[in-house]
């Protein structure tokens, strides 16, 4: 090999090493991101982590403020710093990382004194992150813009919840609140799913109201149950049915019936 070629390839190798080192995530950066898995650090720093091109892009398009963006895929863009797949894996909370990680500021939202006069979802002690994330996605699908969450629900900014929303966090306003207090001052009808409720397909449903979904094992808390004005039951059609529906599945059924009922009324009129 000619001497000038040797010097050229040596220069390129050293330049590549320098560029990779310049973009490399430091141990401190990895530690800073990884600790956002815990709620106490998310609350302390006002930050949360989102992963994957779709989720991160949805949040960016929804106006969420990015603090750090990293990508191991060439075509992502969006101002992300290019890093290696190994570095993405080091900060990812997923079993199979999706090549993009973003750190965002948690938006500061203040629940209005008067709730909007529309269809609203409320979660009372729903603790599984997958369920909470899926319910937020369901709310987005059915055009529900406000979701109220009791303090004992899974944190909506946790990595598993954020991932399960598939970007719907960008379009749904989430409020953590003293749920019984908020419900008690609302003038909207309050619908609760209960085993002693009336068949949802046989009951009148208002176009505007609050649908409350309860804990996976215990259902609605006593404080919230006492505030329910209309009890709903999603009926089983089998004599040997499952003991109950998953709360996210039940939420989808209930929201679908509310929207179907009033779309039919609107079309008929």
Protein backbone atom coordinates (compact mmCIF):
# COMPACT_ATOMS: atom_id res chain seq x y z
CA UNK A 1 0.00 0.00 0.00
CA UNK A 2 1.38 3.45 -0.91
CA UNK A 3 2.45 5.54 2.06
CA UNK A 4 -0.08 8.31 1.33
CA UNK A 5 -2.93 5.75 1.32
CA UNK A 6 -1.78 4.43 4.68
CA UNK A 7 -1.83 7.95 6.14
CA UNK A 8 -5.27 8.59 4.60
CA UNK A 9 -6.88 5.48 6.09
CA UNK A 10 -5.23 6.13 9.45
CA UNK A 11 -6.62 9.67 9.42
CA UNK A 12 -10.15 8.47 8.58
CA UNK A 13 -10.04 5.83 11.34
CA UNK A 14 -8.88 8.37 13.90
CA UNK A 15 -11.51 10.89 12.75
CA UNK A 16 -14.28 8.27 13.02
CA UNK A 17 -13.13 7.35 16.51
CA UNK A 18 -13.15 11.01 17.49
CA UNK A 19 -16.67 11.58 16.12
CA UNK A 20 -18.01 8.50 17.90
CA UNK A 21 -16.37 9.57 21.14
CA UNK A 22 -17.77 13.10 20.78
CA UNK A 23 -21.33 11.76 20.47
CA UNK A 24 -20.92 9.04 23.06
CA UNK A 25 -23.26 9.05 26.03
CA UNK A 26 -21.26 9.48 29.20
CA UNK A 27 -21.79 7.29 32.24
CA UNK A 28 -23.33 10.31 33.99
CA UNK A 29 -25.78 10.84 31.12
CA UNK A 30 -26.77 7.17 31.15
CA UNK A 31 -27.25 7.26 34.92
CA UNK A 32 -29.29 10.49 34.65
CA UNK A 33 -31.66 8.94 32.12
CA UNK A 34 -31.89 5.52 33.75
CA UNK A 35 -32.92 6.91 37.11
CA UNK A 36 -35.99 8.53 35.50
CA UNK A 37 -37.50 5.04 35.70
CA UNK A 38 -38.32 5.95 39.32
CA UNK A 39 -41.18 8.33 40.06
CA UNK A 40 -39.28 10.20 42.77
CA UNK A 41 -36.65 11.29 40.25
CA UNK A 42 -39.27 12.14 37.61
CA UNK A 43 -41.03 14.33 40.15
CA UNK A 44 -37.75 15.83 41.35
CA UNK A 45 -36.49 16.75 37.88
CA UNK A 46 -39.81 17.23 36.09
CA UNK A 47 -38.70 14.89 33.29
CA UNK A 48 -39.83 11.64 31.70
CA UNK A 49 -38.51 9.24 29.05
CA UNK A 50 -40.19 8.21 25.79
CA UNK A 51 -38.91 5.62 23.32
CA UNK A 52 -39.33 4.70 19.69
CA UNK A 53 -39.66 6.85 16.55
CA UNK A 54 -43.46 6.93 16.69
CA UNK A 55 -43.90 7.85 20.36
CA UNK A 56 -41.10 10.44 20.35
CA UNK A 57 -42.35 12.00 17.09
CA UNK A 58 -45.93 12.20 18.39
CA UNK A 59 -44.75 14.01 21.52
CA UNK A 60 -42.61 16.42 19.50
CA UNK A 61 -45.53 17.14 17.16
CA UNK A 62 -47.79 17.59 20.19
CA UNK A 63 -45.64 20.41 21.56
CA UNK A 64 -43.83 18.53 24.34
CA UNK A 65 -40.49 20.11 25.18
CA UNK A 66 -37.51 17.82 24.50
CA UNK A 67 -34.49 18.06 26.79
CA UNK A 68 -32.43 15.29 25.20
CA UNK A 69 -32.97 13.30 21.99
CA UNK A 70 -30.84 10.33 20.93
CA UNK A 71 -31.17 8.15 17.84
CA UNK A 72 -29.36 5.13 16.47
CA UNK A 73 -31.35 5.24 13.20
CA UNK A 74 -30.06 7.45 10.40
CA UNK A 75 -33.42 8.62 9.07
CA UNK A 76 -34.97 9.89 12.33
CA UNK A 77 -33.61 13.46 12.27
CA UNK A 78 -35.66 15.80 14.49
CA UNK A 79 -32.44 17.25 15.94
CA UNK A 80 -31.51 14.01 17.69
CA UNK A 81 -27.88 13.26 18.55
CA UNK A 82 -26.62 10.17 16.73
CA UNK A 83 -25.42 7.42 19.05
CA UNK A 84 -24.77 3.71 18.69
CA UNK A 85 -27.33 0.93 19.14
CA UNK A 86 -25.36 -0.17 22.21
CA UNK A 87 -25.76 3.28 23.76
CA UNK A 88 -29.50 3.29 23.07
CA UNK A 89 -29.71 -0.11 24.75
CA UNK A 90 -27.88 1.29 27.78
CA UNK A 91 -30.58 3.91 28.39
CA UNK A 92 -33.60 1.96 27.11
CA UNK A 93 -36.28 0.51 29.39
CA UNK A 94 -37.51 -1.84 26.64
CA UNK A 95 -36.54 -5.46 26.15
CA UNK A 96 -36.15 -4.67 22.46
CA UNK A 97 -35.04 -1.01 22.09
CA UNK A 98 -36.50 0.86 19.13
CA UNK A 99 -33.53 3.04 18.24
CA UNK A 100 -34.79 6.39 19.56
CA UNK A 101 -34.89 7.75 23.13
CA UNK A 102 -36.18 11.15 24.19
CA UNK A 103 -36.18 12.92 27.54
CA UNK A 104 -39.06 15.41 27.83
CA UNK A 105 -40.30 17.93 30.37
CA UNK A 106 -43.46 16.91 32.20
CA UNK A 107 -46.08 19.53 31.27
CA UNK A 108 -47.46 21.58 34.15
CA UNK A 109 -51.24 21.30 34.02
CA UNK A 110 -53.67 22.81 36.49
CA UNK A 111 -57.10 21.21 36.70
CA UNK A 112 -59.72 23.91 36.04
CA UNK A 113 -62.18 24.70 38.83
CA UNK A 114 -65.01 23.78 36.49
CA UNK A 115 -64.60 20.61 34.46
CA UNK A 116 -65.24 20.92 30.72
CA UNK A 117 -68.77 19.99 29.69
CA UNK A 118 -67.88 16.92 27.64
CA UNK A 119 -67.28 13.20 27.99
CA UNK A 120 -64.48 12.65 30.54
CA UNK A 121 -62.69 9.54 31.77
CA UNK A 122 -61.66 9.08 35.41
CA UNK A 123 -59.44 6.32 36.79
CA UNK A 124 -59.85 5.29 40.41
CA UNK A 125 -56.81 3.32 41.61
CA UNK A 126 -55.90 1.72 38.27
CA UNK A 127 -52.40 0.52 39.11
CA UNK A 128 -51.13 -1.54 36.20
CA UNK A 129 -48.98 0.69 33.94
CA UNK A 130 -50.06 -1.22 30.83
CA UNK A 131 -53.72 -0.67 31.67
CA UNK A 132 -53.25 3.03 32.34
CA UNK A 133 -51.34 3.54 29.10
CA UNK A 134 -53.88 1.57 27.09
CA UNK A 135 -56.78 3.54 28.62
CA UNK A 136 -55.10 6.83 27.64
CA UNK A 137 -54.79 5.46 24.11
CA UNK A 138 -58.48 4.44 24.21
CA UNK A 139 -59.43 7.94 25.33
CA UNK A 140 -57.52 9.36 22.37
CA UNK A 141 -59.25 6.95 19.97
CA UNK A 142 -62.71 7.96 21.16
CA UNK A 143 -61.96 11.68 21.20
CA UNK A 144 -61.89 12.04 25.00
CA UNK A 145 -59.57 14.93 25.81
CA UNK A 146 -59.59 14.84 29.63
CA UNK A 147 -58.56 11.96 31.89
CA UNK A 148 -58.68 12.34 35.68
CA UNK A 149 -56.50 10.04 37.78
CA UNK A 150 -56.58 9.39 41.50
CA UNK A 151 -53.26 9.71 43.31
CA UNK A 152 -52.93 5.92 43.69
CA UNK A 153 -53.01 5.23 39.94
CA UNK A 154 -49.86 4.24 38.07
CA UNK A 155 -47.89 7.37 37.20
CA UNK A 156 -48.77 8.38 33.63
CA UNK A 157 -45.15 9.54 33.05
CA UNK A 158 -43.61 6.18 33.91
CA UNK A 159 -41.81 4.44 30.99
CA UNK A 160 -44.29 1.54 30.75
CA UNK A 161 -47.31 3.86 30.71
CA UNK A 162 -45.73 6.21 28.16
CA UNK A 163 -44.91 3.27 25.89
CA UNK A 164 -48.41 1.80 26.16
CA UNK A 165 -50.00 5.11 25.11
CA UNK A 166 -48.21 4.89 21.72
CA UNK A 167 -48.05 8.68 21.58
CA UNK A 168 -51.60 9.43 22.73
CA UNK A 169 -50.17 11.40 25.66
CA UNK A 170 -49.67 14.16 23.10
CA UNK A 171 -53.43 14.57 22.60
CA UNK A 172 -54.99 13.76 26.00
CA UNK A 173 -54.82 16.04 29.05
CA UNK A 174 -54.04 14.01 32.17
CA UNK A 175 -54.74 15.36 35.66
CA UNK A 176 -53.70 13.64 38.87
CA UNK A 177 -56.13 14.80 41.53
CA UNK A 178 -58.15 14.13 44.68
CA UNK A 179 -60.76 12.24 42.66
CA UNK A 180 -63.63 12.15 45.21
CA UNK A 181 -63.24 15.91 45.77
CA UNK A 182 -63.28 16.69 42.06
CA UNK A 183 -66.26 14.41 41.40
CA UNK A 184 -68.22 15.85 44.32
CA UNK A 185 -68.15 19.37 42.89
CA UNK A 186 -69.00 18.36 39.32
CA UNK A 187 -72.48 18.88 37.89
CA UNK A 188 -71.97 16.25 35.21
CA UNK A 189 -73.56 12.80 35.57
CA UNK A 190 -71.08 10.29 36.98
CA UNK A 191 -71.12 6.80 35.49
CA UNK A 192 -69.44 3.94 37.33
CA UNK A 193 -68.98 0.33 36.22
CA UNK A 194 -70.27 -1.93 39.01
CA UNK A 195 -71.42 -5.53 39.29
CA UNK A 196 -74.82 -4.35 40.58
CA UNK A 197 -75.17 -1.84 37.74
CA UNK A 198 -77.78 -1.70 35.00
CA UNK A 199 -77.04 -3.25 31.61
CA UNK A 200 -75.23 -0.50 29.68
CA UNK A 201 -77.14 -1.44 26.50
CA UNK A 202 -80.49 -0.88 28.23
CA UNK A 203 -79.66 2.36 30.07
CA UNK A 204 -79.92 5.94 28.89
CA UNK A 205 -76.48 7.50 28.45
CA UNK A 206 -75.87 11.24 28.38
CA UNK A 207 -73.62 12.72 25.71
CA UNK A 208 -71.62 14.52 28.41
CA UNK A 209 -70.54 12.98 31.69
CA UNK A 210 -67.73 11.34 33.65
CA UNK A 211 -67.01 7.64 33.18
CA UNK A 212 -65.19 6.22 36.21
CA UNK A 213 -63.20 3.00 35.94
CA UNK A 214 -61.97 1.25 39.08
CA UNK A 215 -59.02 -0.73 40.37
CA UNK A 216 -58.19 -4.04 38.65
CA UNK A 217 -59.04 -6.17 41.70
CA UNK A 218 -61.18 -4.03 44.01
CA UNK A 219 -63.20 -1.95 41.59
CA UNK A 220 -64.30 1.53 42.65
CA UNK A 221 -63.29 2.83 46.07
CA UNK A 222 -66.07 3.44 48.58
CA UNK A 223 -65.58 7.23 48.41
CA UNK A 224 -65.99 7.25 44.63
CA UNK A 225 -68.75 4.65 44.56
CA UNK A 226 -70.89 6.88 46.77
CA UNK A 227 -70.64 9.67 44.20
CA UNK A 228 -71.72 7.59 41.21
CA UNK A 229 -75.09 8.77 39.90
CA UNK A 230 -75.61 6.01 37.32
CA UNK A 231 -74.32 2.46 37.74
CA UNK A 232 -73.35 0.57 34.60
CA UNK A 233 -72.80 -3.11 33.94
CA UNK A 234 -71.12 -4.60 30.89
CA UNK A 235 -73.12 -7.84 30.63
CA UNK A 236 -71.65 -11.26 30.01
CA UNK A 237 -73.16 -13.44 27.28
CA UNK A 238 -71.88 -16.77 28.58
CA UNK A 239 -73.19 -18.95 31.39
CA UNK A 240 -69.60 -19.90 32.20
CA UNK A 241 -67.94 -16.54 31.64
CA UNK A 242 -64.73 -15.07 32.99
CA UNK A 243 -65.03 -13.50 36.43
CA UNK A 244 -64.47 -10.00 35.06
CA UNK A 245 -63.19 -7.98 32.13
CA UNK A 246 -59.77 -6.37 32.06
CA UNK A 247 -60.25 -2.72 33.02
CA UNK A 248 -58.80 -1.43 29.75
CA UNK A 249 -61.08 -3.72 27.73
CA UNK A 250 -64.08 -2.64 29.79
CA UNK A 251 -63.13 1.00 29.23
CA UNK A 252 -63.09 0.47 25.47
CA UNK A 253 -66.53 -1.21 25.56
CA UNK A 254 -68.06 1.58 27.66
CA UNK A 255 -66.54 4.42 25.62
CA UNK A 256 -67.60 2.76 22.39
CA UNK A 257 -71.21 2.51 23.56
CA UNK A 258 -71.31 6.17 24.63
CA UNK A 259 -69.95 7.31 21.28
CA UNK A 260 -72.09 4.89 19.27
CA UNK A 261 -75.25 5.95 21.06
CA UNK A 262 -74.77 9.64 20.40
CA UNK A 263 -73.43 9.29 16.90
CA UNK A 264 -76.63 7.37 16.07
CA UNK A 265 -78.75 10.11 17.68
CA UNK A 266 -76.91 12.83 15.78
CA UNK A 267 -77.23 10.95 12.48
CA UNK A 268 -80.91 10.27 13.04
CA UNK A 269 -81.67 13.90 13.82
